[in-house]
Amino acid sequence: RDIDILPQQERNPMKLAIFQPGVQVIAGSLGLSRVNGARQGSNEVKLDGIDITEPGSPALGFSTAFPGDLVSEFRVITYAAKAEYGRNSGGQIEIISRSGTNQLHGGLFEYVRNTALNANDFFHNATPGGIPRPKLIYNAFGASLGGPVRPSRTFFFGSWQENRENQ
């Protein structure tokens, strides 16, 4: 629930990792951030126990992005990880996906950010003659659906999200 109610533009739970103690964010790139001074490539991201870290550039934010509706649990371990977490000495991020239930549940969402709805910057207005607002049209929308395949035995859950940005 906490992930759902937090105001996130991209609705990507990986962005929440930067708020953990010991995470040093490299300006302009979450992916190149370090955890407790470890090398950039020494972080690990697991989804349902399977390593989803990009092998070509194993960094904090370069793992596959996925919708926030897909996440049931999200945990970041930044210090003294046990041996069960694998070979990496940096941050360990564990994500557990949602599953279906005996009842059919789903949801739709859309987040809109539009130039027409944004105020102009103070300094743009203070400039003689004024500077117009920069164009930004951002839409994030998606859906999720879960339910039974065989009641009390087999379940499904699916989630889809799309982002469109025009600047």
N, C-alpha and C. Protein backbone atom coordinates (compact mmCIF):
# COMPACT_ATOMS: atom_id res chain seq x y z
N ARG A 1 0.82 -1.20 0.00
CA ARG A 1 0.00 0.00 0.00
C ARG A 1 0.86 1.26 0.00
N ASP A 2 1.99 1.21 0.72
CA ASP A 2 2.84 2.40 0.80
C ASP A 2 3.37 2.78 -0.58
N ILE A 3 3.74 1.79 -1.37
CA ILE A 3 4.25 2.06 -2.72
C ILE A 3 3.14 2.66 -3.58
N ASP A 4 1.91 2.18 -3.42
CA ASP A 4 0.79 2.67 -4.23
C ASP A 4 0.46 4.13 -3.93
N ILE A 5 0.56 4.55 -2.67
CA ILE A 5 0.11 5.90 -2.32
C ILE A 5 1.20 6.96 -2.44
N LEU A 6 2.47 6.54 -2.60
CA LEU A 6 3.53 7.52 -2.76
C LEU A 6 3.43 8.20 -4.12
N PRO A 7 3.62 9.51 -4.18
CA PRO A 7 3.54 10.20 -5.48
C PRO A 7 4.81 9.95 -6.30
N GLN A 8 4.71 9.07 -7.27
CA GLN A 8 5.83 8.74 -8.15
C GLN A 8 5.40 8.97 -9.59
N GLN A 9 6.17 9.74 -10.30
CA GLN A 9 5.82 10.02 -11.69
C GLN A 9 5.90 8.77 -12.54
N GLU A 10 6.96 7.99 -12.38
CA GLU A 10 7.14 6.82 -13.24
C GLU A 10 6.53 5.56 -12.66
N ARG A 11 6.07 5.60 -11.41
CA ARG A 11 5.50 4.44 -10.73
C ARG A 11 6.44 3.24 -10.77
N ASN A 12 7.73 3.51 -10.64
CA ASN A 12 8.74 2.45 -10.65
C ASN A 12 9.30 2.30 -9.24
N PRO A 13 9.08 1.16 -8.58
CA PRO A 13 9.54 1.01 -7.20
C PRO A 13 11.05 1.09 -7.05
N MET A 14 11.82 0.86 -8.12
CA MET A 14 13.28 0.96 -8.03
C MET A 14 13.71 2.36 -7.63
N LYS A 15 12.93 3.37 -7.96
CA LYS A 15 13.26 4.74 -7.59
C LYS A 15 13.23 4.95 -6.08
N LEU A 16 12.55 4.08 -5.34
CA LEU A 16 12.48 4.20 -3.89
C LEU A 16 13.77 3.78 -3.20
N ALA A 17 14.62 3.06 -3.90
CA ALA A 17 15.86 2.59 -3.30
C ALA A 17 16.79 3.73 -2.90
N ILE A 18 16.68 4.87 -3.58
CA ILE A 18 17.59 5.98 -3.29
C ILE A 18 17.33 6.61 -1.93
N PHE A 19 16.19 6.33 -1.31
CA PHE A 19 15.86 6.91 -0.02
C PHE A 19 16.36 6.07 1.15
N GLN A 20 17.03 4.99 0.88
CA GLN A 20 17.55 4.13 1.94
C GLN A 20 18.88 4.67 2.47
N PRO A 21 19.16 4.46 3.75
CA PRO A 21 20.45 4.91 4.30
C PRO A 21 21.60 4.20 3.60
N GLY A 22 22.65 4.93 3.30
CA GLY A 22 23.84 4.35 2.69
C GLY A 22 23.87 4.41 1.18
N VAL A 23 22.79 4.87 0.54
CA VAL A 23 22.76 4.95 -0.91
C VAL A 23 23.24 6.34 -1.33
N GLN A 24 24.32 6.37 -2.12
CA GLN A 24 24.86 7.62 -2.63
C GLN A 24 24.42 7.76 -4.09
N VAL A 25 23.60 8.75 -4.35
CA VAL A 25 23.05 8.94 -5.69
C VAL A 25 24.02 9.77 -6.52
N ILE A 26 24.38 9.26 -7.68
CA ILE A 26 25.20 10.01 -8.63
C ILE A 26 24.26 10.98 -9.35
N ALA A 27 24.59 12.25 -9.37
CA ALA A 27 23.72 13.26 -9.95
C ALA A 27 23.33 12.91 -11.38
N GLY A 28 22.03 12.90 -11.64
CA GLY A 28 21.54 12.67 -12.99
C GLY A 28 21.35 11.21 -13.36
N SER A 29 21.76 10.27 -12.49
CA SER A 29 21.62 8.86 -12.85
C SER A 29 21.44 7.99 -11.62
N LEU A 30 20.24 7.48 -11.46
CA LEU A 30 19.99 6.52 -10.39
C LEU A 30 20.77 5.24 -10.64
N GLY A 31 20.92 4.87 -11.88
CA GLY A 31 21.57 3.62 -12.23
C GLY A 31 23.02 3.53 -11.80
N LEU A 32 23.71 4.65 -11.73
CA LEU A 32 25.12 4.63 -11.36
C LEU A 32 25.34 4.88 -9.87
N SER A 33 24.30 4.83 -9.08
CA SER A 33 24.41 5.07 -7.65
C SER A 33 25.17 3.95 -6.96
N ARG A 34 25.73 4.29 -5.79
CA ARG A 34 26.50 3.33 -5.01
C ARG A 34 25.80 3.08 -3.68
N VAL A 35 26.05 1.91 -3.10
CA VAL A 35 25.50 1.59 -1.79
C VAL A 35 26.65 1.34 -0.84
N ASN A 36 26.71 2.14 0.22
CA ASN A 36 27.75 2.05 1.25
C ASN A 36 29.15 2.06 0.66
N GLY A 37 29.37 2.84 -0.39
CA GLY A 37 30.69 2.99 -0.97
C GLY A 37 31.15 1.84 -1.84
N ALA A 38 30.32 0.83 -2.04
CA ALA A 38 30.71 -0.30 -2.89
C ALA A 38 30.74 0.13 -4.36
N ARG A 39 31.36 -0.69 -5.19
CA ARG A 39 31.42 -0.39 -6.62
C ARG A 39 30.02 -0.34 -7.22
N GLN A 40 29.89 0.35 -8.34
CA GLN A 40 28.59 0.50 -8.98
C GLN A 40 28.00 -0.85 -9.40
N GLY A 41 28.81 -1.76 -9.80
CA GLY A 41 28.33 -3.05 -10.29
C GLY A 41 28.14 -4.10 -9.22
N SER A 42 28.19 -3.73 -7.95
CA SER A 42 28.10 -4.74 -6.90
C SER A 42 26.73 -4.77 -6.22
N ASN A 43 25.71 -4.30 -6.91
CA ASN A 43 24.34 -4.37 -6.40
C ASN A 43 23.61 -5.52 -7.09
N GLU A 44 22.58 -6.01 -6.44
CA GLU A 44 21.82 -7.11 -7.03
C GLU A 44 20.33 -6.85 -6.85
N VAL A 45 19.56 -7.11 -7.91
CA VAL A 45 18.12 -6.96 -7.87
C VAL A 45 17.50 -8.32 -8.18
N LYS A 46 16.60 -8.76 -7.29
CA LYS A 46 15.93 -10.05 -7.49
C LYS A 46 14.42 -9.86 -7.53
N LEU A 47 13.78 -10.54 -8.47
CA LEU A 47 12.33 -10.58 -8.58
C LEU A 47 11.89 -12.00 -8.31
N ASP A 48 11.16 -12.20 -7.24
CA ASP A 48 10.71 -13.54 -6.82
C ASP A 48 11.88 -14.51 -6.69
N GLY A 49 13.02 -14.01 -6.21
CA GLY A 49 14.20 -14.85 -5.98
C GLY A 49 15.10 -15.05 -7.18
N ILE A 50 14.73 -14.49 -8.32
CA ILE A 50 15.53 -14.64 -9.54
C ILE A 50 16.25 -13.34 -9.83
N ASP A 51 17.54 -13.42 -10.12
CA ASP A 51 18.35 -12.25 -10.39
C ASP A 51 17.91 -11.60 -11.70
N ILE A 52 17.49 -10.32 -11.64
CA ILE A 52 17.08 -9.59 -12.85
C ILE A 52 18.01 -8.43 -13.14
N THR A 53 19.21 -8.43 -12.52
CA THR A 53 20.18 -7.39 -12.76
C THR A 53 20.70 -7.50 -14.19
N GLU A 54 20.85 -6.36 -14.86
CA GLU A 54 21.37 -6.37 -16.22
C GLU A 54 22.81 -6.87 -16.20
N PRO A 55 23.14 -7.91 -16.96
CA PRO A 55 24.51 -8.44 -16.93
C PRO A 55 25.54 -7.51 -17.56
N GLY A 56 25.15 -6.72 -18.54
CA GLY A 56 26.09 -5.84 -19.21
C GLY A 56 26.50 -4.65 -18.37
N SER A 57 25.58 -4.14 -17.56
CA SER A 57 25.87 -3.00 -16.68
C SER A 57 25.14 -3.20 -15.36
N PRO A 58 25.68 -4.03 -14.48
CA PRO A 58 24.98 -4.34 -13.23
C PRO A 58 25.02 -3.18 -12.24
N ALA A 59 24.08 -2.30 -12.33
CA ALA A 59 24.02 -1.15 -11.44
C ALA A 59 22.65 -1.09 -10.79
N LEU A 60 22.48 -0.18 -9.88
CA LEU A 60 21.29 -0.13 -9.04
C LEU A 60 20.00 0.03 -9.83
N GLY A 61 19.93 0.96 -10.74
CA GLY A 61 18.67 1.25 -11.41
C GLY A 61 18.56 0.75 -12.82
N PHE A 62 19.51 -0.07 -13.29
CA PHE A 62 19.47 -0.52 -14.68
C PHE A 62 18.75 -1.85 -14.87
N SER A 63 18.12 -2.36 -13.82
CA SER A 63 17.37 -3.59 -14.00
C SER A 63 16.07 -3.27 -14.73
N THR A 64 15.39 -4.27 -15.17
CA THR A 64 14.17 -4.11 -15.93
C THR A 64 13.14 -3.32 -15.14
N ALA A 65 12.61 -2.28 -15.73
CA ALA A 65 11.55 -1.51 -15.07
C ALA A 65 10.24 -2.28 -15.17
N PHE A 66 9.44 -2.23 -14.11
CA PHE A 66 8.16 -2.92 -14.12
C PHE A 66 7.15 -2.09 -13.36
N PRO A 67 5.85 -2.28 -13.63
CA PRO A 67 4.82 -1.46 -13.03
C PRO A 67 4.76 -1.63 -11.51
N GLY A 68 4.41 -0.55 -10.81
CA GLY A 68 4.25 -0.60 -9.37
C GLY A 68 3.11 -1.50 -8.95
N ASP A 69 2.10 -1.68 -9.81
CA ASP A 69 0.97 -2.55 -9.49
C ASP A 69 1.39 -4.01 -9.39
N LEU A 70 2.53 -4.35 -9.97
CA LEU A 70 3.02 -5.73 -9.94
C LEU A 70 3.68 -6.08 -8.62
N VAL A 71 4.04 -5.08 -7.82
CA VAL A 71 4.84 -5.29 -6.62
C VAL A 71 3.96 -5.55 -5.40
N SER A 72 4.24 -6.67 -4.73
CA SER A 72 3.59 -6.97 -3.47
C SER A 72 4.49 -6.57 -2.30
N GLU A 73 5.79 -6.89 -2.40
CA GLU A 73 6.76 -6.52 -1.38
C GLU A 73 8.01 -5.97 -2.05
N PHE A 74 8.63 -5.02 -1.38
CA PHE A 74 9.84 -4.38 -1.89
C PHE A 74 10.77 -4.16 -0.69
N ARG A 75 11.97 -4.72 -0.76
CA ARG A 75 12.90 -4.60 0.36
C ARG A 75 14.29 -4.28 -0.16
N VAL A 76 14.97 -3.35 0.52
CA VAL A 76 16.33 -2.98 0.18
C VAL A 76 17.22 -3.28 1.38
N ILE A 77 18.24 -4.07 1.17
CA ILE A 77 19.21 -4.39 2.21
C ILE A 77 20.50 -3.69 1.83
N THR A 78 20.94 -2.77 2.68
CA THR A 78 22.12 -1.98 2.34
C THR A 78 23.33 -2.34 3.20
N TYR A 79 23.15 -3.11 4.25
CA TYR A 79 24.27 -3.35 5.16
C TYR A 79 24.23 -4.77 5.70
N ALA A 80 25.36 -5.43 5.70
CA ALA A 80 25.54 -6.76 6.31
C ALA A 80 24.53 -7.79 5.81
N ALA A 81 24.46 -7.97 4.50
CA ALA A 81 23.56 -8.98 3.94
C ALA A 81 24.08 -10.37 4.26
N LYS A 82 23.18 -11.28 4.53
CA LYS A 82 23.55 -12.67 4.82
C LYS A 82 24.02 -13.37 3.55
N ALA A 83 24.61 -14.53 3.72
CA ALA A 83 25.14 -15.30 2.59
C ALA A 83 24.03 -15.73 1.63
N GLU A 84 22.81 -15.83 2.09
CA GLU A 84 21.71 -16.27 1.23
C GLU A 84 21.40 -15.28 0.11
N TYR A 85 21.91 -14.04 0.24
CA TYR A 85 21.61 -13.03 -0.77
C TYR A 85 22.56 -13.06 -1.94
N GLY A 86 23.55 -13.91 -1.93
CA GLY A 86 24.36 -14.08 -3.11
C GLY A 86 25.73 -13.45 -3.03
N ARG A 87 26.29 -13.20 -4.20
CA ARG A 87 27.69 -12.87 -4.34
C ARG A 87 28.00 -11.38 -4.29
N ASN A 88 27.02 -10.51 -4.25
CA ASN A 88 27.27 -9.08 -4.38
C ASN A 88 27.39 -8.41 -3.02
N SER A 89 28.34 -7.47 -2.91
CA SER A 89 28.59 -6.81 -1.63
C SER A 89 27.84 -5.50 -1.48
N GLY A 90 27.22 -5.00 -2.53
CA GLY A 90 26.50 -3.73 -2.46
C GLY A 90 25.08 -3.94 -1.98
N GLY A 91 24.17 -3.14 -2.50
CA GLY A 91 22.77 -3.23 -2.10
C GLY A 91 22.09 -4.47 -2.67
N GLN A 92 21.23 -5.04 -1.87
CA GLN A 92 20.42 -6.19 -2.29
C GLN A 92 18.97 -5.73 -2.32
N ILE A 93 18.37 -5.76 -3.49
CA ILE A 93 16.98 -5.34 -3.62
C ILE A 93 16.14 -6.56 -3.94
N GLU A 94 15.15 -6.82 -3.11
CA GLU A 94 14.26 -7.96 -3.31
C GLU A 94 12.87 -7.47 -3.61
N ILE A 95 12.29 -7.99 -4.67
CA ILE A 95 10.94 -7.62 -5.07
C ILE A 95 10.12 -8.90 -5.17
N ILE A 96 8.97 -8.89 -4.54
CA ILE A 96 8.05 -10.03 -4.61
C ILE A 96 6.83 -9.56 -5.39
N SER A 97 6.47 -10.31 -6.43
CA SER A 97 5.34 -9.90 -7.26
C SER A 97 4.02 -10.35 -6.64
N ARG A 98 2.97 -9.69 -7.04
CA ARG A 98 1.63 -10.05 -6.56
C ARG A 98 1.17 -11.33 -7.23
N SER A 99 0.19 -11.94 -6.63
CA SER A 99 -0.41 -13.13 -7.24
C SER A 99 -1.92 -12.96 -7.24
N GLY A 100 -2.58 -13.80 -7.98
CA GLY A 100 -4.03 -13.76 -8.04
C GLY A 100 -4.66 -14.35 -6.78
N THR A 101 -5.96 -14.20 -6.66
CA THR A 101 -6.71 -14.73 -5.53
C THR A 101 -7.90 -15.51 -6.07
N ASN A 102 -8.74 -15.98 -5.18
CA ASN A 102 -9.93 -16.72 -5.60
C ASN A 102 -11.01 -15.82 -6.20
N GLN A 103 -10.85 -14.50 -6.08
CA GLN A 103 -11.79 -13.58 -6.68
C GLN A 103 -11.09 -12.78 -7.77
N LEU A 104 -11.83 -12.41 -8.77
CA LEU A 104 -11.29 -11.61 -9.86
C LEU A 104 -11.16 -10.16 -9.40
N HIS A 105 -9.95 -9.62 -9.47
CA HIS A 105 -9.68 -8.23 -9.08
C HIS A 105 -8.86 -7.56 -10.17
N GLY A 106 -9.08 -6.28 -10.34
CA GLY A 106 -8.31 -5.54 -11.33
C GLY A 106 -8.38 -4.05 -11.07
N GLY A 107 -7.67 -3.33 -11.88
CA GLY A 107 -7.68 -1.88 -11.73
C GLY A 107 -7.13 -1.20 -12.97
N LEU A 108 -7.52 0.06 -13.14
CA LEU A 108 -7.03 0.90 -14.22
C LEU A 108 -6.50 2.18 -13.61
N PHE A 109 -5.50 2.79 -14.24
CA PHE A 109 -5.01 4.07 -13.75
C PHE A 109 -4.50 4.91 -14.90
N GLU A 110 -4.48 6.21 -14.68
CA GLU A 110 -3.85 7.13 -15.61
C GLU A 110 -3.37 8.34 -14.82
N TYR A 111 -2.13 8.74 -15.09
CA TYR A 111 -1.54 9.94 -14.52
C TYR A 111 -1.25 10.89 -15.68
N VAL A 112 -1.70 12.12 -15.54
CA VAL A 112 -1.56 13.10 -16.61
C VAL A 112 -0.80 14.31 -16.07
N ARG A 113 0.16 14.75 -16.84
CA ARG A 113 0.85 16.01 -16.56
C ARG A 113 0.89 16.77 -17.88
N ASN A 114 0.37 18.00 -17.86
CA ASN A 114 0.20 18.73 -19.10
C ASN A 114 0.65 20.17 -18.90
N THR A 115 1.24 20.77 -19.92
CA THR A 115 1.70 22.15 -19.85
C THR A 115 0.56 23.09 -19.46
N ALA A 116 -0.62 22.83 -19.96
CA ALA A 116 -1.77 23.69 -19.65
C ALA A 116 -2.11 23.67 -18.16
N LEU A 117 -1.73 22.63 -17.44
CA LEU A 117 -2.05 22.52 -16.02
C LEU A 117 -0.91 22.98 -15.12
N ASN A 118 0.26 23.29 -15.68
CA ASN A 118 1.43 23.68 -14.89
C ASN A 118 1.57 25.19 -14.82
N ALA A 119 2.02 25.67 -13.67
CA ALA A 119 2.33 27.10 -13.52
C ALA A 119 3.70 27.38 -14.14
N ASN A 120 3.91 28.61 -14.55
CA ASN A 120 5.21 28.99 -15.09
C ASN A 120 6.19 29.20 -13.93
N ASP A 121 7.46 29.04 -14.20
CA ASP A 121 8.52 29.22 -13.21
C ASP A 121 8.61 30.69 -12.80
N PHE A 122 8.90 30.97 -11.54
CA PHE A 122 9.01 32.34 -11.06
C PHE A 122 10.03 33.14 -11.87
N PHE A 123 11.19 32.53 -12.14
CA PHE A 123 12.25 33.24 -12.84
C PHE A 123 11.91 33.47 -14.31
N HIS A 124 11.11 32.59 -14.90
CA HIS A 124 10.64 32.83 -16.27
C HIS A 124 9.73 34.04 -16.31
N ASN A 125 8.87 34.19 -15.30
CA ASN A 125 7.97 35.34 -15.25
C ASN A 125 8.73 36.62 -14.91
N ALA A 126 9.82 36.54 -14.12
CA ALA A 126 10.57 37.71 -13.70
C ALA A 126 11.44 38.28 -14.82
N THR A 127 11.73 37.48 -15.83
CA THR A 127 12.52 37.94 -16.96
C THR A 127 11.72 38.96 -17.76
N PRO A 128 12.32 40.10 -18.13
CA PRO A 128 11.57 41.08 -18.93
C PRO A 128 11.03 40.44 -20.22
N GLY A 129 9.77 40.62 -20.44
CA GLY A 129 9.11 40.02 -21.60
C GLY A 129 8.59 38.63 -21.30
N GLY A 130 9.10 38.00 -20.26
CA GLY A 130 8.65 36.67 -19.85
C GLY A 130 9.15 35.57 -20.77
N ILE A 131 9.33 34.41 -20.21
CA ILE A 131 9.72 33.22 -20.98
C ILE A 131 8.55 32.25 -20.88
N PRO A 132 8.07 31.73 -22.00
CA PRO A 132 6.92 30.82 -21.94
C PRO A 132 7.25 29.51 -21.21
N ARG A 133 6.21 28.88 -20.71
CA ARG A 133 6.38 27.60 -20.03
C ARG A 133 6.95 26.56 -21.00
N PRO A 134 7.88 25.73 -20.55
CA PRO A 134 8.37 24.66 -21.42
C PRO A 134 7.27 23.62 -21.64
N LYS A 135 7.21 23.09 -22.86
CA LYS A 135 6.18 22.11 -23.19
C LYS A 135 6.50 20.78 -22.51
N LEU A 136 5.52 20.24 -21.81
CA LEU A 136 5.64 18.92 -21.20
C LEU A 136 4.27 18.27 -21.17
N ILE A 137 4.12 17.19 -21.89
CA ILE A 137 2.90 16.40 -21.86
C ILE A 137 3.33 14.98 -21.51
N TYR A 138 2.89 14.52 -20.35
CA TYR A 138 3.30 13.19 -19.85
C TYR A 138 2.05 12.41 -19.48
N ASN A 139 1.93 11.22 -20.01
CA ASN A 139 0.84 10.31 -19.68
C ASN A 139 1.42 8.98 -19.25
N ALA A 140 1.00 8.49 -18.11
CA ALA A 140 1.33 7.14 -17.67
C ALA A 140 -0.01 6.45 -17.42
N PHE A 141 -0.24 5.33 -18.06
CA PHE A 141 -1.50 4.63 -17.90
C PHE A 141 -1.27 3.13 -17.92
N GLY A 142 -2.20 2.40 -17.35
CA GLY A 142 -2.04 0.96 -17.32
C GLY A 142 -3.21 0.26 -16.65
N ALA A 143 -3.04 -1.04 -16.50
CA ALA A 143 -4.08 -1.87 -15.92
C ALA A 143 -3.46 -3.08 -15.25
N SER A 144 -4.21 -3.67 -14.34
CA SER A 144 -3.79 -4.93 -13.73
C SER A 144 -5.03 -5.80 -13.54
N LEU A 145 -4.81 -7.11 -13.59
CA LEU A 145 -5.91 -8.05 -13.44
C LEU A 145 -5.38 -9.34 -12.84
N GLY A 146 -6.07 -9.86 -11.85
CA GLY A 146 -5.68 -11.13 -11.22
C GLY A 146 -6.92 -11.91 -10.82
N GLY A 147 -6.76 -13.22 -10.77
CA GLY A 147 -7.88 -14.06 -10.40
C GLY A 147 -7.52 -15.53 -10.46
N PRO A 148 -8.53 -16.38 -10.33
CA PRO A 148 -8.27 -17.82 -10.33
C PRO A 148 -8.27 -18.42 -11.74
N VAL A 149 -7.41 -19.39 -11.95
CA VAL A 149 -7.48 -20.24 -13.14
C VAL A 149 -8.23 -21.50 -12.72
N ARG A 150 -7.78 -22.10 -11.63
CA ARG A 150 -8.48 -23.20 -10.96
C ARG A 150 -8.64 -22.76 -9.51
N PRO A 151 -9.86 -22.48 -9.05
CA PRO A 151 -10.07 -21.94 -7.71
C PRO A 151 -9.33 -22.72 -6.63
N SER A 152 -8.69 -21.97 -5.74
CA SER A 152 -7.91 -22.48 -4.60
C SER A 152 -6.68 -23.29 -5.01
N ARG A 153 -6.32 -23.30 -6.29
CA ARG A 153 -5.14 -24.06 -6.74
C ARG A 153 -4.20 -23.23 -7.61
N THR A 154 -4.72 -22.68 -8.69
CA THR A 154 -3.87 -21.97 -9.65
C THR A 154 -4.44 -20.58 -9.88
N PHE A 155 -3.53 -19.57 -9.85
CA PHE A 155 -3.96 -18.18 -9.98
C PHE A 155 -3.14 -17.48 -11.06
N PHE A 156 -3.65 -16.35 -11.52
CA PHE A 156 -2.90 -15.54 -12.48
C PHE A 156 -2.93 -14.09 -12.00
N PHE A 157 -1.91 -13.35 -12.40
CA PHE A 157 -1.89 -11.91 -12.18
C PHE A 157 -1.08 -11.29 -13.29
N GLY A 158 -1.62 -10.26 -13.91
CA GLY A 158 -0.91 -9.57 -14.97
C GLY A 158 -1.02 -8.07 -14.78
N SER A 159 0.00 -7.38 -15.22
CA SER A 159 0.03 -5.93 -15.08
C SER A 159 0.67 -5.33 -16.32
N TRP A 160 0.15 -4.19 -16.77
CA TRP A 160 0.66 -3.51 -17.95
C TRP A 160 0.71 -2.02 -17.67
N GLN A 161 1.78 -1.37 -18.11
CA GLN A 161 1.92 0.07 -17.94
C GLN A 161 2.61 0.64 -19.16
N GLU A 162 2.18 1.83 -19.56
CA GLU A 162 2.81 2.50 -20.69
C GLU A 162 3.02 3.96 -20.32
N ASN A 163 4.14 4.52 -20.73
CA ASN A 163 4.47 5.92 -20.49
C ASN A 163 4.65 6.62 -21.83
N ARG A 164 4.06 7.80 -21.96
CA ARG A 164 4.25 8.62 -23.15
C ARG A 164 4.64 10.02 -22.69
N GLU A 165 5.72 10.53 -23.28
CA GLU A 165 6.22 11.84 -22.90
C GLU A 165 6.54 12.66 -24.14
N ASN A 166 6.10 13.90 -24.14
CA ASN A 166 6.33 14.81 -25.25
C ASN A 166 6.85 16.13 -24.68
N GLN A 167 8.09 16.50 -25.05
CA GLN A 167 8.67 17.75 -24.54
C GLN A 167 9.03 18.65 -25.70
